[in-house]
Amino acid sequence: MDSYCRPDRPRPENACRDALLFALRRELRSLEINAEAEGRYANGARADVRLSVGGSMNIPIEINRSCHKEWFSAIRTQLIERYTHDPDAHGYGIYLVFWFGRTKYCQPLPASGRLPATPADLKPDLLTHLSDDERRRIAVCVIDVSAPED
């Protein structure tokens, strides 16, 4: 925290996830969608969030902050390789990134060698690494939680 009690570094991933779930749960319930943190999947894997739809479909959500060391690779190494293969996921999943801006904490650089300038630039960068079939089954969401410009 700085001298005005403002955060001076990105919030932890679980705190971001919990705040998002708190904000969404009422809307999701009205759609008969259950959302749980740390949802279990095949082979003992646990996704950050598990959306359960009607008991026959469970969508994993893998969450990363834009300052996580694997923020560009986790879409494949975690979401696709560990969670979407669960029979109840049917190959579908959501990759969500909390965008904290272009800060010193956003490391390492993606394969392109440059940080995206805006949250809108991040989504296409992530999608370029997916096959056509993966793009049909994997949704990418970027939520801008960066500090407002002064």
N, C-alpha and C. Protein backbone atom coordinates (compact mmCIF):
# COMPACT_ATOMS: atom_id res chain seq x y z
N MET A 1 0.83 -1.17 0.00
CA MET A 1 0.00 0.00 0.00
C MET A 1 0.89 1.25 0.00
N ASP A 2 0.39 2.26 -0.70
CA ASP A 2 1.13 3.51 -0.68
C ASP A 2 0.70 4.32 0.55
N SER A 3 1.20 5.53 0.68
CA SER A 3 0.91 6.35 1.87
C SER A 3 -0.56 6.76 1.96
N TYR A 4 -1.33 6.60 0.86
CA TYR A 4 -2.76 6.90 0.87
C TYR A 4 -3.61 5.62 0.97
N CYS A 5 -2.99 4.50 1.34
CA CYS A 5 -3.64 3.20 1.49
C CYS A 5 -4.22 2.68 0.17
N ARG A 6 -3.62 3.06 -0.93
CA ARG A 6 -4.02 2.51 -2.24
C ARG A 6 -3.08 1.35 -2.55
N PRO A 7 -3.61 0.31 -3.17
CA PRO A 7 -2.73 -0.81 -3.51
C PRO A 7 -1.63 -0.36 -4.47
N ASP A 8 -0.44 -0.86 -4.26
CA ASP A 8 0.66 -0.51 -5.15
C ASP A 8 1.16 -1.71 -5.95
N ARG A 9 0.43 -2.81 -5.84
CA ARG A 9 0.73 -3.99 -6.66
C ARG A 9 -0.57 -4.74 -6.91
N PRO A 10 -0.59 -5.59 -7.93
CA PRO A 10 -1.82 -6.32 -8.27
C PRO A 10 -2.33 -7.18 -7.12
N ARG A 11 -3.67 -7.26 -7.00
CA ARG A 11 -4.29 -8.11 -6.00
C ARG A 11 -3.99 -9.57 -6.30
N PRO A 12 -3.98 -10.43 -5.29
CA PRO A 12 -3.77 -11.86 -5.53
C PRO A 12 -4.89 -12.44 -6.41
N GLU A 13 -4.54 -13.46 -7.18
CA GLU A 13 -5.50 -14.08 -8.11
C GLU A 13 -6.77 -14.56 -7.41
N ASN A 14 -6.63 -15.23 -6.27
CA ASN A 14 -7.81 -15.75 -5.59
C ASN A 14 -8.73 -14.63 -5.11
N ALA A 15 -8.18 -13.51 -4.70
CA ALA A 15 -9.00 -12.37 -4.29
C ALA A 15 -9.76 -11.82 -5.50
N CYS A 16 -9.12 -11.76 -6.65
CA CYS A 16 -9.78 -11.31 -7.87
C CYS A 16 -10.91 -12.27 -8.25
N ARG A 17 -10.61 -13.57 -8.20
CA ARG A 17 -11.61 -14.59 -8.53
C ARG A 17 -12.81 -14.49 -7.60
N ASP A 18 -12.55 -14.37 -6.30
CA ASP A 18 -13.64 -14.33 -5.33
C ASP A 18 -14.51 -13.09 -5.53
N ALA A 19 -13.90 -11.96 -5.83
CA ALA A 19 -14.68 -10.74 -6.09
C ALA A 19 -15.55 -10.91 -7.33
N LEU A 20 -15.01 -11.53 -8.37
CA LEU A 20 -15.78 -11.77 -9.59
C LEU A 20 -16.95 -12.72 -9.29
N LEU A 21 -16.70 -13.80 -8.60
CA LEU A 21 -17.77 -14.74 -8.27
C LEU A 21 -18.86 -14.09 -7.43
N PHE A 22 -18.47 -13.27 -6.48
CA PHE A 22 -19.45 -12.57 -5.66
C PHE A 22 -20.35 -11.69 -6.53
N ALA A 23 -19.74 -11.00 -7.49
CA ALA A 23 -20.50 -10.10 -8.36
C ALA A 23 -21.40 -10.85 -9.34
N LEU A 24 -21.01 -12.05 -9.74
CA LEU A 24 -21.74 -12.79 -10.77
C LEU A 24 -22.76 -13.80 -10.25
N ARG A 25 -22.61 -14.27 -9.05
CA ARG A 25 -23.41 -15.41 -8.58
C ARG A 25 -24.91 -15.21 -8.70
N ARG A 26 -25.42 -14.05 -8.35
CA ARG A 26 -26.87 -13.83 -8.43
C ARG A 26 -27.36 -13.94 -9.87
N GLU A 27 -26.63 -13.34 -10.82
CA GLU A 27 -27.01 -13.43 -12.23
C GLU A 27 -26.92 -14.86 -12.73
N LEU A 28 -25.86 -15.55 -12.34
CA LEU A 28 -25.68 -16.93 -12.78
C LEU A 28 -26.79 -17.84 -12.23
N ARG A 29 -27.15 -17.64 -10.97
CA ARG A 29 -28.23 -18.46 -10.38
C ARG A 29 -29.54 -18.26 -11.13
N SER A 30 -29.82 -17.02 -11.55
CA SER A 30 -31.06 -16.77 -12.27
C SER A 30 -31.08 -17.50 -13.62
N LEU A 31 -29.89 -17.84 -14.12
CA LEU A 31 -29.77 -18.60 -15.36
C LEU A 31 -29.60 -20.10 -15.09
N GLU A 32 -29.73 -20.48 -13.82
CA GLU A 32 -29.56 -21.86 -13.38
C GLU A 32 -28.16 -22.39 -13.67
N ILE A 33 -27.19 -21.52 -13.42
CA ILE A 33 -25.77 -21.88 -13.55
C ILE A 33 -25.14 -21.77 -12.17
N ASN A 34 -24.50 -22.84 -11.73
CA ASN A 34 -23.81 -22.83 -10.44
C ASN A 34 -22.33 -22.53 -10.69
N ALA A 35 -21.77 -21.65 -9.89
CA ALA A 35 -20.34 -21.30 -10.01
C ALA A 35 -19.65 -21.61 -8.70
N GLU A 36 -18.60 -22.41 -8.78
CA GLU A 36 -17.85 -22.74 -7.57
C GLU A 36 -16.37 -22.53 -7.79
N ALA A 37 -15.71 -22.02 -6.78
CA ALA A 37 -14.26 -21.85 -6.83
C ALA A 37 -13.59 -23.20 -6.67
N GLU A 38 -12.46 -23.37 -7.34
CA GLU A 38 -11.66 -24.60 -7.24
C GLU A 38 -12.45 -25.85 -7.61
N GLY A 39 -13.15 -25.78 -8.74
CA GLY A 39 -13.93 -26.92 -9.20
C GLY A 39 -13.05 -28.09 -9.62
N ARG A 40 -13.46 -29.28 -9.28
CA ARG A 40 -12.68 -30.49 -9.58
C ARG A 40 -13.00 -31.03 -10.98
N TYR A 41 -11.93 -31.53 -11.62
CA TYR A 41 -12.04 -32.10 -12.96
C TYR A 41 -11.28 -33.42 -12.99
N ALA A 42 -11.23 -34.04 -14.15
CA ALA A 42 -10.59 -35.35 -14.31
C ALA A 42 -9.15 -35.34 -13.80
N ASN A 43 -8.70 -36.49 -13.36
CA ASN A 43 -7.33 -36.70 -12.87
C ASN A 43 -6.99 -35.81 -11.69
N GLY A 44 -7.98 -35.42 -10.90
CA GLY A 44 -7.73 -34.62 -9.71
C GLY A 44 -7.41 -33.16 -9.97
N ALA A 45 -7.52 -32.71 -11.21
CA ALA A 45 -7.22 -31.32 -11.53
C ALA A 45 -8.30 -30.41 -10.97
N ARG A 46 -7.91 -29.19 -10.59
CA ARG A 46 -8.87 -28.22 -10.07
C ARG A 46 -8.75 -26.92 -10.85
N ALA A 47 -9.81 -26.56 -11.55
CA ALA A 47 -9.84 -25.29 -12.26
C ALA A 47 -10.17 -24.18 -11.26
N ASP A 48 -9.82 -22.96 -11.60
CA ASP A 48 -10.09 -21.83 -10.71
C ASP A 48 -11.58 -21.68 -10.44
N VAL A 49 -12.39 -21.89 -11.47
CA VAL A 49 -13.85 -21.82 -11.32
C VAL A 49 -14.46 -22.94 -12.15
N ARG A 50 -15.54 -23.49 -11.64
CA ARG A 50 -16.30 -24.51 -12.37
C ARG A 50 -17.73 -24.01 -12.50
N LEU A 51 -18.18 -23.85 -13.74
CA LEU A 51 -19.57 -23.49 -14.00
C LEU A 51 -20.33 -24.77 -14.32
N SER A 52 -21.38 -25.03 -13.56
CA SER A 52 -22.20 -26.22 -13.78
C SER A 52 -23.53 -25.79 -14.38
N VAL A 53 -23.83 -26.39 -15.52
CA VAL A 53 -25.05 -26.04 -16.25
C VAL A 53 -25.92 -27.28 -16.36
N GLY A 54 -27.01 -27.31 -15.63
CA GLY A 54 -27.98 -28.39 -15.75
C GLY A 54 -27.49 -29.78 -15.40
N GLY A 55 -26.39 -29.93 -14.74
CA GLY A 55 -25.91 -31.23 -14.33
C GLY A 55 -25.23 -32.05 -15.41
N SER A 56 -25.29 -31.61 -16.68
CA SER A 56 -24.67 -32.39 -17.75
C SER A 56 -23.50 -31.67 -18.40
N MET A 57 -23.24 -30.44 -18.00
CA MET A 57 -22.15 -29.67 -18.61
C MET A 57 -21.45 -28.89 -17.50
N ASN A 58 -20.14 -29.01 -17.46
CA ASN A 58 -19.32 -28.30 -16.49
C ASN A 58 -18.20 -27.59 -17.23
N ILE A 59 -18.23 -26.29 -17.19
CA ILE A 59 -17.25 -25.49 -17.94
C ILE A 59 -16.15 -25.01 -16.99
N PRO A 60 -14.89 -25.37 -17.26
CA PRO A 60 -13.80 -24.88 -16.44
C PRO A 60 -13.41 -23.46 -16.85
N ILE A 61 -13.09 -22.66 -15.85
CA ILE A 61 -12.54 -21.33 -16.09
C ILE A 61 -11.16 -21.29 -15.46
N GLU A 62 -10.16 -21.05 -16.27
CA GLU A 62 -8.80 -20.85 -15.78
C GLU A 62 -8.56 -19.35 -15.72
N ILE A 63 -8.10 -18.87 -14.57
CA ILE A 63 -7.89 -17.44 -14.36
C ILE A 63 -6.41 -17.18 -14.12
N ASN A 64 -5.92 -16.11 -14.74
CA ASN A 64 -4.58 -15.63 -14.45
C ASN A 64 -4.59 -14.11 -14.41
N ARG A 65 -3.66 -13.58 -13.67
CA ARG A 65 -3.45 -12.13 -13.68
C ARG A 65 -2.44 -11.82 -14.78
N SER A 66 -2.47 -10.63 -15.30
CA SER A 66 -1.53 -10.26 -16.36
C SER A 66 -0.10 -10.17 -15.85
N CYS A 67 0.08 -10.41 -14.56
CA CYS A 67 1.43 -10.40 -14.00
C CYS A 67 1.86 -11.79 -13.55
N HIS A 68 1.09 -12.81 -13.89
CA HIS A 68 1.45 -14.19 -13.54
C HIS A 68 2.53 -14.68 -14.49
N LYS A 69 3.45 -15.48 -13.99
CA LYS A 69 4.58 -15.92 -14.82
C LYS A 69 4.16 -16.79 -16.00
N GLU A 70 2.96 -17.38 -15.95
CA GLU A 70 2.50 -18.24 -17.05
C GLU A 70 1.25 -17.68 -17.73
N TRP A 71 1.07 -16.37 -17.69
CA TRP A 71 -0.18 -15.80 -18.18
C TRP A 71 -0.42 -16.01 -19.65
N PHE A 72 0.61 -16.24 -20.44
CA PHE A 72 0.40 -16.50 -21.87
C PHE A 72 0.36 -17.99 -22.20
N SER A 73 0.95 -18.81 -21.39
CA SER A 73 0.98 -20.25 -21.70
C SER A 73 -0.13 -21.04 -21.02
N ALA A 74 -0.72 -20.52 -19.96
CA ALA A 74 -1.70 -21.28 -19.17
C ALA A 74 -2.97 -21.60 -19.95
N ILE A 75 -3.29 -20.85 -20.98
CA ILE A 75 -4.46 -21.18 -21.78
C ILE A 75 -4.32 -22.59 -22.34
N ARG A 76 -3.11 -22.97 -22.70
CA ARG A 76 -2.87 -24.31 -23.23
C ARG A 76 -2.48 -25.29 -22.12
N THR A 77 -1.45 -24.94 -21.33
CA THR A 77 -0.89 -25.89 -20.37
C THR A 77 -1.83 -26.20 -19.22
N GLN A 78 -2.72 -25.28 -18.89
CA GLN A 78 -3.65 -25.56 -17.80
C GLN A 78 -5.05 -25.82 -18.35
N LEU A 79 -5.65 -24.82 -18.98
CA LEU A 79 -7.05 -24.96 -19.40
C LEU A 79 -7.25 -26.10 -20.39
N ILE A 80 -6.56 -26.06 -21.51
CA ILE A 80 -6.80 -27.06 -22.57
C ILE A 80 -6.26 -28.43 -22.18
N GLU A 81 -5.03 -28.49 -21.70
CA GLU A 81 -4.42 -29.80 -21.42
C GLU A 81 -4.92 -30.47 -20.15
N ARG A 82 -5.40 -29.70 -19.17
CA ARG A 82 -5.79 -30.32 -17.90
C ARG A 82 -7.27 -30.36 -17.63
N TYR A 83 -8.04 -29.39 -18.15
CA TYR A 83 -9.44 -29.29 -17.73
C TYR A 83 -10.46 -29.59 -18.83
N THR A 84 -10.22 -29.17 -20.04
CA THR A 84 -11.24 -29.35 -21.09
C THR A 84 -11.40 -30.80 -21.51
N HIS A 85 -10.46 -31.67 -21.14
CA HIS A 85 -10.57 -33.09 -21.48
C HIS A 85 -11.52 -33.85 -20.56
N ASP A 86 -11.96 -33.19 -19.49
CA ASP A 86 -12.93 -33.82 -18.60
C ASP A 86 -14.20 -34.12 -19.41
N PRO A 87 -14.77 -35.32 -19.26
CA PRO A 87 -15.95 -35.68 -20.06
C PRO A 87 -17.11 -34.70 -19.93
N ASP A 88 -17.31 -34.11 -18.76
CA ASP A 88 -18.42 -33.17 -18.58
C ASP A 88 -18.13 -31.78 -19.15
N ALA A 89 -16.87 -31.51 -19.50
CA ALA A 89 -16.53 -30.22 -20.11
C ALA A 89 -16.77 -30.24 -21.62
N HIS A 90 -16.77 -31.43 -22.21
CA HIS A 90 -17.03 -31.59 -23.65
C HIS A 90 -16.07 -30.77 -24.51
N GLY A 91 -14.86 -30.53 -24.00
CA GLY A 91 -13.85 -29.79 -24.76
C GLY A 91 -13.95 -28.29 -24.65
N TYR A 92 -14.89 -27.78 -23.85
CA TYR A 92 -15.10 -26.33 -23.73
C TYR A 92 -14.42 -25.77 -22.50
N GLY A 93 -14.10 -24.48 -22.55
CA GLY A 93 -13.51 -23.82 -21.40
C GLY A 93 -13.44 -22.32 -21.63
N ILE A 94 -13.12 -21.61 -20.56
CA ILE A 94 -12.99 -20.15 -20.59
C ILE A 94 -11.64 -19.80 -19.98
N TYR A 95 -10.90 -18.94 -20.68
CA TYR A 95 -9.64 -18.44 -20.15
C TYR A 95 -9.84 -16.97 -19.83
N LEU A 96 -9.65 -16.61 -18.57
CA LEU A 96 -9.90 -15.26 -18.12
C LEU A 96 -8.62 -14.65 -17.58
N VAL A 97 -8.32 -13.44 -18.04
CA VAL A 97 -7.14 -12.73 -17.56
C VAL A 97 -7.60 -11.42 -16.92
N PHE A 98 -7.13 -11.18 -15.70
CA PHE A 98 -7.33 -9.88 -15.07
C PHE A 98 -6.17 -9.00 -15.52
N TRP A 99 -6.48 -7.95 -16.25
CA TRP A 99 -5.47 -7.05 -16.82
C TRP A 99 -5.17 -5.94 -15.83
N PHE A 100 -3.93 -5.90 -15.35
CA PHE A 100 -3.50 -4.89 -14.40
C PHE A 100 -2.73 -3.75 -15.06
N GLY A 101 -2.73 -3.73 -16.38
CA GLY A 101 -2.01 -2.68 -17.11
C GLY A 101 -0.59 -3.09 -17.42
N ARG A 102 0.08 -2.20 -18.07
CA ARG A 102 1.48 -2.46 -18.44
C ARG A 102 2.36 -2.02 -17.28
N THR A 103 2.47 -2.88 -16.29
CA THR A 103 3.25 -2.54 -15.10
C THR A 103 4.53 -3.36 -15.08
N LYS A 104 5.39 -3.00 -14.17
CA LYS A 104 6.64 -3.75 -14.00
C LYS A 104 6.38 -5.18 -13.56
N TYR A 105 5.17 -5.45 -13.08
CA TYR A 105 4.85 -6.79 -12.61
C TYR A 105 4.44 -7.73 -13.74
N CYS A 106 4.20 -7.22 -14.92
CA CYS A 106 3.77 -8.06 -16.04
C CYS A 106 4.98 -8.70 -16.71
N GLN A 107 5.37 -9.80 -16.20
CA GLN A 107 6.51 -10.54 -16.73
C GLN A 107 6.16 -12.02 -16.67
N PRO A 108 6.71 -12.86 -17.47
CA PRO A 108 7.61 -12.56 -18.57
C PRO A 108 6.84 -12.05 -19.78
N LEU A 109 7.58 -11.64 -20.76
CA LEU A 109 6.95 -11.19 -21.99
C LEU A 109 6.37 -12.38 -22.74
N PRO A 110 5.29 -12.18 -23.48
CA PRO A 110 4.76 -13.26 -24.31
C PRO A 110 5.73 -13.60 -25.43
N ALA A 111 5.43 -14.65 -26.18
CA ALA A 111 6.31 -15.11 -27.25
C ALA A 111 6.58 -14.02 -28.29
N SER A 112 5.65 -13.09 -28.45
CA SER A 112 5.84 -12.00 -29.42
C SER A 112 6.96 -11.06 -29.00
N GLY A 113 7.36 -11.11 -27.72
CA GLY A 113 8.42 -10.25 -27.23
C GLY A 113 7.94 -8.88 -26.80
N ARG A 114 6.64 -8.65 -26.85
CA ARG A 114 6.11 -7.35 -26.44
C ARG A 114 4.86 -7.54 -25.58
N LEU A 115 4.69 -6.64 -24.65
CA LEU A 115 3.46 -6.65 -23.86
C LEU A 115 2.35 -6.00 -24.66
N PRO A 116 1.15 -6.54 -24.60
CA PRO A 116 0.03 -5.86 -25.24
C PRO A 116 -0.13 -4.46 -24.62
N ALA A 117 -0.51 -3.49 -25.42
CA ALA A 117 -0.66 -2.12 -24.93
C ALA A 117 -1.95 -1.93 -24.15
N THR A 118 -2.98 -2.68 -24.52
CA THR A 118 -4.29 -2.53 -23.88
C THR A 118 -4.89 -3.91 -23.64
N PRO A 119 -5.93 -3.99 -22.80
CA PRO A 119 -6.59 -5.29 -22.62
C PRO A 119 -7.21 -5.79 -23.93
N ALA A 120 -7.64 -4.88 -24.78
CA ALA A 120 -8.22 -5.30 -26.07
C ALA A 120 -7.17 -5.95 -26.96
N ASP A 121 -5.92 -5.58 -26.82
CA ASP A 121 -4.83 -6.20 -27.60
C ASP A 121 -4.49 -7.60 -27.12
N LEU A 122 -4.78 -7.88 -25.87
CA LEU A 122 -4.40 -9.17 -25.29
C LEU A 122 -5.21 -10.33 -25.85
N LYS A 123 -6.51 -10.16 -26.00
CA LYS A 123 -7.36 -11.25 -26.45
C LYS A 123 -6.92 -11.83 -27.79
N PRO A 124 -6.72 -11.00 -28.84
CA PRO A 124 -6.27 -11.59 -30.11
C PRO A 124 -4.90 -12.24 -30.01
N ASP A 125 -4.02 -11.71 -29.15
CA ASP A 125 -2.70 -12.34 -28.96
C ASP A 125 -2.86 -13.75 -28.42
N LEU A 126 -3.77 -13.94 -27.48
CA LEU A 126 -3.99 -15.27 -26.91
C LEU A 126 -4.63 -16.21 -27.93
N LEU A 127 -5.58 -15.69 -28.70
CA LEU A 127 -6.29 -16.53 -29.66
C LEU A 127 -5.41 -16.99 -30.82
N THR A 128 -4.36 -16.25 -31.16
CA THR A 128 -3.52 -16.64 -32.28
C THR A 128 -2.79 -17.96 -32.04
N HIS A 129 -2.67 -18.35 -30.80
CA HIS A 129 -1.96 -19.59 -30.46
C HIS A 129 -2.87 -20.81 -30.42
N LEU A 130 -4.14 -20.62 -30.77
CA LEU A 130 -5.10 -21.72 -30.75
C LEU A 130 -5.46 -22.16 -32.17
N SER A 131 -5.78 -23.44 -32.32
CA SER A 131 -6.25 -23.95 -33.60
C SER A 131 -7.67 -23.44 -33.84
N ASP A 132 -8.17 -23.61 -35.05
CA ASP A 132 -9.55 -23.20 -35.36
C ASP A 132 -10.54 -23.92 -34.44
N ASP A 133 -10.35 -25.22 -34.24
CA ASP A 133 -11.27 -25.97 -33.37
C ASP A 133 -11.18 -25.45 -31.93
N GLU A 134 -9.98 -25.18 -31.46
CA GLU A 134 -9.83 -24.66 -30.09
C GLU A 134 -10.50 -23.29 -29.96
N ARG A 135 -10.40 -22.45 -30.97
CA ARG A 135 -11.05 -21.13 -30.93
C ARG A 135 -12.57 -21.25 -30.85
N ARG A 136 -13.13 -22.31 -31.39
CA ARG A 136 -14.58 -22.52 -31.30
C ARG A 136 -15.00 -22.99 -29.91
N ARG A 137 -14.08 -23.62 -29.19
CA ARG A 137 -14.43 -24.21 -27.90
C ARG A 137 -13.90 -23.44 -26.69
N ILE A 138 -12.94 -22.57 -26.91
CA ILE A 138 -12.32 -21.83 -25.81
C ILE A 138 -12.66 -20.35 -25.95
N ALA A 139 -13.32 -19.82 -24.93
CA ALA A 139 -13.61 -18.38 -24.90
C ALA A 139 -12.49 -17.69 -24.13
N VAL A 140 -12.09 -16.53 -24.60
CA VAL A 140 -11.08 -15.73 -23.92
C VAL A 140 -11.74 -14.45 -23.45
N CYS A 141 -11.55 -14.15 -22.17
CA CYS A 141 -12.12 -12.94 -21.59
C CYS A 141 -11.01 -12.19 -20.86
N VAL A 142 -10.91 -10.89 -21.11
CA VAL A 142 -9.94 -10.06 -20.44
C VAL A 142 -10.71 -8.98 -19.67
N ILE A 143 -10.49 -8.92 -18.38
CA ILE A 143 -11.17 -7.92 -17.54
C ILE A 143 -10.14 -6.88 -17.11
N ASP A 144 -10.41 -5.64 -17.46
CA ASP A 144 -9.50 -4.53 -17.16
C ASP A 144 -9.70 -4.10 -15.71
N VAL A 145 -8.70 -4.38 -14.88
CA VAL A 145 -8.73 -3.95 -13.48
C VAL A 145 -7.56 -2.99 -13.20
N SER A 146 -7.04 -2.39 -14.25
CA SER A 146 -5.91 -1.47 -14.10
C SER A 146 -6.37 -0.18 -13.44
N ALA A 147 -5.43 0.48 -12.83
CA ALA A 147 -5.71 1.77 -12.19
C ALA A 147 -6.08 2.80 -13.26
N PRO A 148 -7.06 3.63 -12.98
CA PRO A 148 -7.43 4.66 -13.96
C PRO A 148 -6.26 5.61 -14.20
N GLU A 149 -6.20 6.10 -15.42
CA GLU A 149 -5.16 7.08 -15.76
C GLU A 149 -5.45 8.37 -15.03
N ASP A 150 -4.42 9.01 -14.52
CA ASP A 150 -4.61 10.31 -13.84
C ASP A 150 -4.74 11.42 -14.83
